Amino acid sequence: MAQDFLNTVGIGDYGPDLLGEGRLARAWATDAARTWLTERGIDVTPPELSDADVARLRGLRDTITRLVIGESATADIGSVSARFALTDRGDVRLEPVGSGWRWYASALWTEILHSQHDNTWRRIKQCRNPRCASTFYDRSKNNSGVWHDVKTCGNAANLRASRARRHQPGVER
């Protein structure tokens, strides 16, 4: 969910910012929440989002993006809560609570907490192509991936770097 949330940002010609306006944001959030709830076996209706909620989600997206790229980020997560719940199998889990943006923030912070606990959060990265900046899950063996797609962003960046090296004075051709 966190990766999908970060990828709501508008990227070049790929598509609009899905949190840029209320209608798109509400459609994305409802769909994402339903998928997330189904995957976890939680039977609740996702909360509605107001335009103010959408603005708060954009701020949350910026905060989480800063975390992914390794910048220091502060967030008031004290105003966001989650509750412990017991599944039919006896497993304890955290479930989001609240309304509007707080519910979505609760779900996202819960996912990030689980990802950090599972040591997979370090694999969530942002593509180093500044024209792209997609968030991706690094599946490389040694966690060294820097491009969301090597064929598109990686090749383009490597080609630009190669051309720049060839045009430097004193570089053999």
N, C-alpha and C. Protein backbone atom coordinates (compact mmCIF):
# COMPACT_ATOMS: atom_id res chain seq x y z
N MET A 1 0.82 -1.19 0.00
CA MET A 1 0.00 0.00 0.00
C MET A 1 0.86 1.26 0.00
N ALA A 2 1.97 1.25 0.75
CA ALA A 2 2.81 2.45 0.83
C ALA A 2 3.43 2.77 -0.53
N GLN A 3 3.91 1.75 -1.24
CA GLN A 3 4.49 1.98 -2.55
C GLN A 3 3.45 2.55 -3.51
N ASP A 4 2.26 1.97 -3.52
CA ASP A 4 1.19 2.48 -4.38
C ASP A 4 0.82 3.92 -4.00
N PHE A 5 0.79 4.19 -2.71
CA PHE A 5 0.48 5.54 -2.24
C PHE A 5 1.50 6.55 -2.76
N LEU A 6 2.78 6.20 -2.66
CA LEU A 6 3.82 7.11 -3.13
C LEU A 6 3.76 7.30 -4.64
N ASN A 7 3.30 6.28 -5.34
CA ASN A 7 3.22 6.37 -6.80
C ASN A 7 1.95 7.07 -7.28
N THR A 8 1.22 7.71 -6.39
CA THR A 8 0.08 8.52 -6.82
C THR A 8 0.54 9.85 -7.38
N VAL A 9 1.79 10.20 -7.17
CA VAL A 9 2.33 11.48 -7.65
C VAL A 9 2.33 11.47 -9.18
N GLY A 10 2.03 12.61 -9.77
CA GLY A 10 2.06 12.73 -11.23
C GLY A 10 3.50 12.68 -11.73
N ILE A 11 3.74 11.85 -12.73
CA ILE A 11 5.09 11.69 -13.27
C ILE A 11 5.05 11.95 -14.77
N GLY A 12 5.56 13.09 -15.18
CA GLY A 12 5.66 13.41 -16.59
C GLY A 12 4.39 13.13 -17.36
N ASP A 13 4.56 12.41 -18.45
CA ASP A 13 3.44 12.07 -19.32
C ASP A 13 2.73 10.79 -18.91
N TYR A 14 3.17 10.16 -17.81
CA TYR A 14 2.59 8.89 -17.39
C TYR A 14 1.19 9.04 -16.81
N GLY A 15 0.89 10.18 -16.24
CA GLY A 15 -0.43 10.36 -15.68
C GLY A 15 -0.47 11.49 -14.68
N PRO A 16 -1.68 11.85 -14.26
CA PRO A 16 -1.85 12.98 -13.34
C PRO A 16 -1.51 12.59 -11.91
N ASP A 17 -1.38 13.60 -11.08
CA ASP A 17 -1.22 13.40 -9.65
C ASP A 17 -2.58 12.91 -9.13
N LEU A 18 -2.62 11.67 -8.66
CA LEU A 18 -3.89 11.09 -8.22
C LEU A 18 -4.40 11.69 -6.92
N LEU A 19 -3.56 12.47 -6.24
CA LEU A 19 -4.01 13.20 -5.05
C LEU A 19 -4.12 14.69 -5.35
N GLY A 20 -4.04 15.05 -6.62
CA GLY A 20 -4.04 16.45 -7.02
C GLY A 20 -5.40 17.11 -6.90
N GLU A 21 -6.45 16.34 -7.02
CA GLU A 21 -7.79 16.91 -6.88
C GLU A 21 -8.71 15.87 -6.26
N GLY A 22 -9.74 16.36 -5.61
CA GLY A 22 -10.60 15.52 -4.79
C GLY A 22 -11.19 14.30 -5.47
N ARG A 23 -11.73 14.45 -6.67
CA ARG A 23 -12.40 13.33 -7.35
C ARG A 23 -11.42 12.19 -7.60
N LEU A 24 -10.24 12.50 -8.15
CA LEU A 24 -9.24 11.47 -8.41
C LEU A 24 -8.75 10.83 -7.11
N ALA A 25 -8.51 11.66 -6.12
CA ALA A 25 -8.01 11.17 -4.83
C ALA A 25 -9.01 10.22 -4.18
N ARG A 26 -10.28 10.60 -4.19
CA ARG A 26 -11.30 9.75 -3.58
C ARG A 26 -11.41 8.41 -4.31
N ALA A 27 -11.34 8.44 -5.62
CA ALA A 27 -11.42 7.20 -6.40
C ALA A 27 -10.22 6.31 -6.09
N TRP A 28 -9.01 6.90 -6.09
CA TRP A 28 -7.82 6.11 -5.80
C TRP A 28 -7.88 5.54 -4.39
N ALA A 29 -8.19 6.38 -3.41
CA ALA A 29 -8.18 5.97 -2.01
C ALA A 29 -9.19 4.86 -1.74
N THR A 30 -10.38 4.98 -2.29
CA THR A 30 -11.40 3.95 -2.08
C THR A 30 -10.95 2.62 -2.66
N ASP A 31 -10.42 2.64 -3.88
CA ASP A 31 -9.95 1.42 -4.52
C ASP A 31 -8.78 0.80 -3.76
N ALA A 32 -7.81 1.63 -3.38
CA ALA A 32 -6.64 1.14 -2.65
C ALA A 32 -7.04 0.55 -1.30
N ALA A 33 -7.94 1.23 -0.60
CA ALA A 33 -8.38 0.75 0.71
C ALA A 33 -9.12 -0.57 0.58
N ARG A 34 -10.00 -0.69 -0.39
CA ARG A 34 -10.74 -1.95 -0.57
C ARG A 34 -9.79 -3.11 -0.85
N THR A 35 -8.80 -2.87 -1.70
CA THR A 35 -7.81 -3.92 -2.00
C THR A 35 -7.06 -4.30 -0.73
N TRP A 36 -6.59 -3.30 0.00
CA TRP A 36 -5.82 -3.53 1.22
C TRP A 36 -6.66 -4.28 2.25
N LEU A 37 -7.89 -3.85 2.43
CA LEU A 37 -8.78 -4.50 3.40
C LEU A 37 -9.07 -5.94 3.02
N THR A 38 -9.30 -6.19 1.74
CA THR A 38 -9.57 -7.55 1.27
C THR A 38 -8.36 -8.45 1.51
N GLU A 39 -7.17 -7.95 1.18
CA GLU A 39 -5.94 -8.74 1.38
C GLU A 39 -5.74 -9.10 2.85
N ARG A 40 -6.21 -8.27 3.75
CA ARG A 40 -6.02 -8.51 5.18
C ARG A 40 -7.23 -9.13 5.86
N GLY A 41 -8.29 -9.33 5.12
CA GLY A 41 -9.49 -9.95 5.70
C GLY A 41 -10.20 -9.06 6.70
N ILE A 42 -10.13 -7.76 6.49
CA ILE A 42 -10.79 -6.81 7.38
C ILE A 42 -12.08 -6.35 6.70
N ASP A 43 -13.18 -6.46 7.40
CA ASP A 43 -14.48 -6.14 6.81
C ASP A 43 -15.00 -4.82 7.34
N VAL A 44 -14.50 -3.72 6.76
CA VAL A 44 -14.99 -2.38 7.09
C VAL A 44 -15.09 -1.58 5.79
N THR A 45 -15.87 -0.54 5.82
CA THR A 45 -16.00 0.34 4.67
C THR A 45 -14.98 1.46 4.82
N PRO A 46 -14.18 1.71 3.76
CA PRO A 46 -13.20 2.81 3.85
C PRO A 46 -13.91 4.14 4.05
N PRO A 47 -13.32 5.04 4.81
CA PRO A 47 -13.95 6.33 5.07
C PRO A 47 -13.91 7.24 3.84
N GLU A 48 -14.83 8.18 3.81
CA GLU A 48 -14.88 9.19 2.76
C GLU A 48 -13.78 10.23 3.01
N LEU A 49 -13.34 10.85 1.95
CA LEU A 49 -12.33 11.90 2.06
C LEU A 49 -12.90 13.25 1.65
N SER A 50 -12.65 14.25 2.46
CA SER A 50 -13.01 15.62 2.08
C SER A 50 -11.83 16.22 1.32
N ASP A 51 -12.01 17.40 0.77
CA ASP A 51 -10.90 18.08 0.09
C ASP A 51 -9.78 18.38 1.09
N ALA A 52 -10.12 18.71 2.33
CA ALA A 52 -9.10 18.96 3.35
C ALA A 52 -8.32 17.68 3.65
N ASP A 53 -9.02 16.53 3.65
CA ASP A 53 -8.35 15.24 3.86
C ASP A 53 -7.35 14.96 2.74
N VAL A 54 -7.73 15.28 1.52
CA VAL A 54 -6.86 15.06 0.37
C VAL A 54 -5.58 15.89 0.52
N ALA A 55 -5.70 17.11 0.95
CA ALA A 55 -4.52 17.96 1.18
C ALA A 55 -3.62 17.35 2.25
N ARG A 56 -4.21 16.81 3.30
CA ARG A 56 -3.41 16.16 4.36
C ARG A 56 -2.71 14.92 3.83
N LEU A 57 -3.38 14.17 2.93
CA LEU A 57 -2.74 13.00 2.34
C LEU A 57 -1.56 13.39 1.46
N ARG A 58 -1.66 14.50 0.74
CA ARG A 58 -0.52 14.98 -0.05
C ARG A 58 0.66 15.28 0.87
N GLY A 59 0.39 15.92 2.00
CA GLY A 59 1.45 16.19 2.97
C GLY A 59 2.06 14.91 3.52
N LEU A 60 1.22 13.93 3.78
CA LEU A 60 1.70 12.64 4.27
C LEU A 60 2.56 11.96 3.21
N ARG A 61 2.13 12.05 1.96
CA ARG A 61 2.92 11.46 0.87
C ARG A 61 4.30 12.10 0.81
N ASP A 62 4.37 13.41 0.97
CA ASP A 62 5.67 14.10 0.97
C ASP A 62 6.54 13.62 2.13
N THR A 63 5.95 13.45 3.30
CA THR A 63 6.70 12.97 4.47
C THR A 63 7.26 11.58 4.23
N ILE A 64 6.43 10.68 3.74
CA ILE A 64 6.87 9.30 3.52
C ILE A 64 7.91 9.25 2.40
N THR A 65 7.75 10.07 1.39
CA THR A 65 8.74 10.13 0.31
C THR A 65 10.10 10.54 0.88
N ARG A 66 10.11 11.53 1.77
CA ARG A 66 11.38 11.94 2.39
C ARG A 66 12.01 10.78 3.16
N LEU A 67 11.20 9.99 3.82
CA LEU A 67 11.73 8.82 4.53
C LEU A 67 12.37 7.84 3.55
N VAL A 68 11.70 7.60 2.43
CA VAL A 68 12.19 6.64 1.44
C VAL A 68 13.53 7.09 0.85
N ILE A 69 13.68 8.37 0.59
CA ILE A 69 14.93 8.84 -0.03
C ILE A 69 16.01 9.15 1.01
N GLY A 70 15.72 8.86 2.27
CA GLY A 70 16.74 8.97 3.31
C GLY A 70 16.88 10.34 3.94
N GLU A 71 15.94 11.22 3.66
CA GLU A 71 15.98 12.53 4.31
C GLU A 71 15.29 12.45 5.66
N SER A 72 15.64 13.37 6.53
CA SER A 72 14.96 13.40 7.81
C SER A 72 13.56 13.97 7.60
N ALA A 73 12.62 13.38 8.25
CA ALA A 73 11.23 13.81 8.10
C ALA A 73 10.57 13.79 9.46
N THR A 74 9.72 14.75 9.67
CA THR A 74 8.94 14.76 10.91
C THR A 74 7.47 14.73 10.53
N ALA A 75 6.72 14.05 11.34
CA ALA A 75 5.28 13.97 11.10
C ALA A 75 4.58 13.87 12.45
N ASP A 76 3.46 14.48 12.53
CA ASP A 76 2.66 14.39 13.74
C ASP A 76 1.80 13.13 13.65
N ILE A 77 2.41 11.99 14.00
CA ILE A 77 1.62 10.76 13.93
C ILE A 77 0.90 10.50 15.25
N GLY A 78 1.04 11.43 16.19
CA GLY A 78 0.29 11.31 17.43
C GLY A 78 -1.20 11.49 17.21
N SER A 79 -1.58 12.17 16.13
CA SER A 79 -3.00 12.37 15.86
C SER A 79 -3.58 11.24 15.02
N VAL A 80 -2.77 10.21 14.80
CA VAL A 80 -3.20 9.04 14.04
C VAL A 80 -3.10 7.83 14.95
N SER A 81 -4.15 7.01 14.98
CA SER A 81 -4.18 5.87 15.87
C SER A 81 -4.45 4.58 15.11
N ALA A 82 -4.13 3.48 15.76
CA ALA A 82 -4.47 2.15 15.26
C ALA A 82 -4.90 1.34 16.48
N ARG A 83 -5.59 0.24 16.23
CA ARG A 83 -6.01 -0.59 17.36
C ARG A 83 -5.57 -2.01 17.14
N PHE A 84 -5.37 -2.69 18.23
CA PHE A 84 -5.04 -4.11 18.15
C PHE A 84 -6.32 -4.89 17.93
N ALA A 85 -6.24 -5.90 17.08
CA ALA A 85 -7.39 -6.78 16.84
C ALA A 85 -6.89 -8.22 16.81
N LEU A 86 -7.76 -9.12 17.12
CA LEU A 86 -7.44 -10.54 17.13
C LEU A 86 -8.18 -11.20 15.97
N THR A 87 -7.43 -11.93 15.13
CA THR A 87 -8.06 -12.61 13.99
C THR A 87 -8.72 -13.91 14.46
N ASP A 88 -9.48 -14.53 13.56
CA ASP A 88 -10.11 -15.81 13.86
C ASP A 88 -9.08 -16.89 14.17
N ARG A 89 -7.88 -16.75 13.61
CA ARG A 89 -6.81 -17.74 13.84
C ARG A 89 -6.01 -17.45 15.10
N GLY A 90 -6.31 -16.35 15.77
CA GLY A 90 -5.60 -16.00 16.99
C GLY A 90 -4.39 -15.11 16.76
N ASP A 91 -4.24 -14.56 15.57
CA ASP A 91 -3.14 -13.64 15.29
C ASP A 91 -3.53 -12.23 15.73
N VAL A 92 -2.57 -11.52 16.30
CA VAL A 92 -2.79 -10.13 16.68
C VAL A 92 -2.37 -9.25 15.50
N ARG A 93 -3.17 -8.27 15.19
CA ARG A 93 -2.83 -7.35 14.12
C ARG A 93 -3.25 -5.94 14.50
N LEU A 94 -2.65 -4.99 13.81
CA LEU A 94 -3.04 -3.59 13.96
C LEU A 94 -4.04 -3.27 12.86
N GLU A 95 -5.09 -2.56 13.24
CA GLU A 95 -6.09 -2.13 12.27
C GLU A 95 -6.22 -0.61 12.34
N PRO A 96 -6.38 0.02 11.19
CA PRO A 96 -6.53 1.47 11.19
C PRO A 96 -7.83 1.91 11.84
N VAL A 97 -7.77 3.06 12.48
CA VAL A 97 -8.97 3.67 13.05
C VAL A 97 -8.97 5.14 12.69
N GLY A 98 -10.10 5.77 12.90
CA GLY A 98 -10.22 7.19 12.62
C GLY A 98 -11.10 7.41 11.41
N SER A 99 -11.19 8.66 11.01
CA SER A 99 -12.00 8.99 9.84
C SER A 99 -11.14 9.79 8.88
N GLY A 100 -11.60 9.86 7.65
CA GLY A 100 -10.91 10.64 6.64
C GLY A 100 -9.45 10.27 6.49
N TRP A 101 -8.60 11.30 6.37
CA TRP A 101 -7.18 11.07 6.12
C TRP A 101 -6.52 10.29 7.26
N ARG A 102 -7.03 10.44 8.49
CA ARG A 102 -6.41 9.75 9.63
C ARG A 102 -6.50 8.23 9.47
N TRP A 103 -7.60 7.74 8.93
CA TRP A 103 -7.74 6.30 8.72
C TRP A 103 -6.69 5.82 7.71
N TYR A 104 -6.55 6.56 6.62
CA TYR A 104 -5.58 6.18 5.60
C TYR A 104 -4.15 6.28 6.15
N ALA A 105 -3.87 7.33 6.91
CA ALA A 105 -2.56 7.47 7.52
C ALA A 105 -2.29 6.32 8.49
N SER A 106 -3.29 5.94 9.25
CA SER A 106 -3.16 4.81 10.16
C SER A 106 -2.81 3.52 9.41
N ALA A 107 -3.49 3.28 8.30
CA ALA A 107 -3.20 2.09 7.49
C ALA A 107 -1.78 2.15 6.93
N LEU A 108 -1.37 3.31 6.45
CA LEU A 108 -0.03 3.45 5.87
C LEU A 108 1.06 3.28 6.92
N TRP A 109 0.92 3.94 8.07
CA TRP A 109 1.94 3.79 9.11
C TRP A 109 1.99 2.35 9.63
N THR A 110 0.84 1.69 9.66
CA THR A 110 0.81 0.27 10.06
C THR A 110 1.62 -0.56 9.08
N GLU A 111 1.42 -0.32 7.80
CA GLU A 111 2.16 -1.06 6.77
C GLU A 111 3.65 -0.78 6.86
N ILE A 112 4.01 0.47 7.07
CA ILE A 112 5.42 0.83 7.18
C ILE A 112 6.04 0.16 8.40
N LEU A 113 5.32 0.16 9.52
CA LEU A 113 5.81 -0.50 10.73
C LEU A 113 6.07 -1.99 10.46
N HIS A 114 5.13 -2.67 9.83
CA HIS A 114 5.31 -4.09 9.51
C HIS A 114 6.50 -4.28 8.56
N SER A 115 6.63 -3.41 7.58
CA SER A 115 7.71 -3.50 6.62
C SER A 115 9.07 -3.29 7.30
N GLN A 116 9.13 -2.35 8.22
CA GLN A 116 10.37 -2.14 8.96
C GLN A 116 10.68 -3.35 9.83
N HIS A 117 9.67 -3.91 10.46
CA HIS A 117 9.85 -5.10 11.30
C HIS A 117 10.33 -6.29 10.47
N ASP A 118 9.79 -6.42 9.25
CA ASP A 118 10.17 -7.53 8.36
C ASP A 118 11.48 -7.26 7.61
N ASN A 119 12.06 -6.08 7.81
CA ASN A 119 13.28 -5.66 7.15
C ASN A 119 13.13 -5.54 5.63
N THR A 120 11.91 -5.21 5.18
CA THR A 120 11.69 -5.00 3.75
C THR A 120 11.56 -3.51 3.42
N TRP A 121 11.40 -2.67 4.42
CA TRP A 121 11.25 -1.24 4.17
C TRP A 121 12.48 -0.68 3.46
N ARG A 122 13.66 -1.19 3.77
CA ARG A 122 14.89 -0.69 3.15
C ARG A 122 14.91 -0.95 1.65
N ARG A 123 14.03 -1.81 1.17
CA ARG A 123 13.96 -2.13 -0.25
C ARG A 123 12.99 -1.22 -1.02
N ILE A 124 12.26 -0.38 -0.30
CA ILE A 124 11.39 0.59 -0.96
C ILE A 124 12.27 1.78 -1.32
N LYS A 125 12.36 2.07 -2.61
CA LYS A 125 13.26 3.12 -3.10
C LYS A 125 12.57 3.99 -4.12
N GLN A 126 13.19 5.10 -4.39
CA GLN A 126 12.70 6.00 -5.43
C GLN A 126 13.68 5.95 -6.60
N CYS A 127 13.17 5.82 -7.80
CA CYS A 127 13.98 5.76 -9.01
C CYS A 127 14.89 7.00 -9.08
N ARG A 128 16.13 6.78 -9.41
CA ARG A 128 17.09 7.89 -9.45
C ARG A 128 16.98 8.74 -10.71
N ASN A 129 16.13 8.33 -11.63
CA ASN A 129 15.91 9.16 -12.80
C ASN A 129 15.03 10.33 -12.36
N PRO A 130 15.55 11.56 -12.35
CA PRO A 130 14.76 12.69 -11.85
C PRO A 130 13.50 12.95 -12.65
N ARG A 131 13.46 12.52 -13.89
CA ARG A 131 12.26 12.68 -14.71
C ARG A 131 11.19 11.67 -14.34
N CYS A 132 11.58 10.64 -13.61
CA CYS A 132 10.65 9.56 -13.27
C CYS A 132 10.26 9.62 -11.79
N ALA A 133 11.21 9.31 -10.93
CA ALA A 133 11.02 9.31 -9.48
C ALA A 133 9.92 8.36 -9.02
N SER A 134 9.68 7.28 -9.78
CA SER A 134 8.72 6.25 -9.33
C SER A 134 9.26 5.56 -8.09
N THR A 135 8.37 5.15 -7.23
CA THR A 135 8.76 4.36 -6.07
C THR A 135 8.68 2.89 -6.47
N PHE A 136 9.70 2.13 -6.10
CA PHE A 136 9.73 0.72 -6.48
C PHE A 136 10.27 -0.14 -5.34
N TYR A 137 10.02 -1.43 -5.45
CA TYR A 137 10.55 -2.39 -4.49
C TYR A 137 11.79 -3.01 -5.12
N ASP A 138 12.93 -2.82 -4.49
CA ASP A 138 14.20 -3.32 -5.02
C ASP A 138 14.31 -4.82 -4.75
N ARG A 139 14.21 -5.61 -5.79
CA ARG A 139 14.27 -7.07 -5.68
C ARG A 139 15.68 -7.61 -5.92
N SER A 140 16.66 -6.73 -6.12
CA SER A 140 18.02 -7.20 -6.37
C SER A 140 18.54 -7.94 -5.14
N LYS A 141 19.41 -8.91 -5.41
CA LYS A 141 19.93 -9.75 -4.33
C LYS A 141 20.61 -8.93 -3.23
N ASN A 142 21.41 -7.93 -3.64
CA ASN A 142 22.17 -7.15 -2.66
C ASN A 142 21.57 -5.78 -2.38
N ASN A 143 20.31 -5.57 -2.76
CA ASN A 143 19.59 -4.32 -2.50
C ASN A 143 20.31 -3.12 -3.12
N SER A 144 20.78 -3.29 -4.35
CA SER A 144 21.56 -2.24 -5.00
C SER A 144 20.82 -1.54 -6.15
N GLY A 145 19.56 -1.86 -6.35
CA GLY A 145 18.81 -1.26 -7.45
C GLY A 145 18.64 0.23 -7.27
N VAL A 146 18.72 0.97 -8.38
CA VAL A 146 18.53 2.41 -8.33
C VAL A 146 17.49 2.89 -9.34
N TRP A 147 17.08 2.03 -10.27
CA TRP A 147 16.10 2.40 -11.29
C TRP A 147 14.85 1.58 -11.10
N HIS A 148 13.69 2.20 -11.30
CA HIS A 148 12.46 1.42 -11.19
C HIS A 148 12.38 0.42 -12.33
N ASP A 149 12.99 0.76 -13.47
CA ASP A 149 13.04 -0.14 -14.62
C ASP A 149 14.35 0.14 -15.34
N VAL A 150 15.25 -0.83 -15.33
CA VAL A 150 16.57 -0.64 -15.93
C VAL A 150 16.45 -0.36 -17.43
N LYS A 151 15.50 -0.98 -18.09
CA LYS A 151 15.38 -0.82 -19.55
C LYS A 151 15.00 0.60 -19.95
N THR A 152 14.22 1.27 -19.14
CA THR A 152 13.82 2.63 -19.50
C THR A 152 14.70 3.65 -18.79
N CYS A 153 14.58 3.75 -17.52
CA CYS A 153 15.30 4.79 -16.77
C CYS A 153 16.80 4.50 -16.69
N GLY A 154 17.18 3.27 -16.45
CA GLY A 154 18.59 2.93 -16.33
C GLY A 154 19.34 3.12 -17.63
N ASN A 155 18.80 2.61 -18.72
CA ASN A 155 19.47 2.75 -20.02
C ASN A 155 19.59 4.21 -20.42
N ALA A 156 18.55 4.99 -20.22
CA ALA A 156 18.59 6.41 -20.58
C ALA A 156 19.67 7.13 -19.77
N ALA A 157 19.74 6.87 -18.48
CA ALA A 157 20.74 7.53 -17.63
C ALA A 157 22.15 7.09 -18.00
N ASN A 158 22.33 5.81 -18.24
CA ASN A 158 23.66 5.32 -18.61
C ASN A 158 24.10 5.87 -19.96
N LEU A 159 23.18 5.99 -20.90
CA LEU A 159 23.49 6.56 -22.20
C LEU A 159 23.88 8.04 -22.05
N ARG A 160 23.14 8.80 -21.25
CA ARG A 160 23.48 10.21 -21.03
C ARG A 160 24.87 10.33 -20.39
N ALA A 161 25.17 9.48 -19.41
CA ALA A 161 26.48 9.52 -18.75
C ALA A 161 27.59 9.16 -19.73
N SER A 162 27.35 8.18 -20.57
CA SER A 162 28.35 7.77 -21.55
C SER A 162 28.61 8.89 -22.55
N ARG A 163 27.57 9.53 -23.02
CA ARG A 163 27.74 10.65 -23.96
C ARG A 163 28.48 11.80 -23.30
N ALA A 164 28.17 12.08 -22.05
CA ALA A 164 28.86 13.17 -21.33
C ALA A 164 30.35 12.87 -21.19
N ARG A 165 30.69 11.61 -20.90
CA ARG A 165 32.10 11.24 -20.77
C ARG A 165 32.83 11.39 -22.10
N ARG A 166 32.17 11.01 -23.20
CA ARG A 166 32.80 11.08 -24.53
C ARG A 166 33.06 12.52 -24.95
N HIS A 167 32.26 13.45 -24.45
CA HIS A 167 32.41 14.85 -24.85
C HIS A 167 33.33 15.65 -23.93
N GLN A 168 33.91 14.98 -22.93
CA GLN A 168 34.84 15.69 -22.05
C GLN A 168 36.20 15.81 -22.72
N PRO A 169 36.85 16.94 -22.57
CA PRO A 169 38.20 17.09 -23.14
C PRO A 169 39.16 16.10 -22.50
N GLY A 170 40.04 15.54 -23.29
CA GLY A 170 41.06 14.63 -22.78
C GLY A 170 40.58 13.20 -22.63
N VAL A 171 39.34 12.90 -22.98
CA VAL A 171 38.84 11.54 -22.90
C VAL A 171 39.01 10.89 -24.26
N GLU A 172 39.67 9.74 -24.27
CA GLU A 172 39.88 9.04 -25.55
C GLU A 172 38.58 8.55 -26.11
N ARG A 173 38.50 8.60 -27.43
CA ARG A 173 37.28 8.13 -28.10
C ARG A 173 37.54 6.93 -28.93
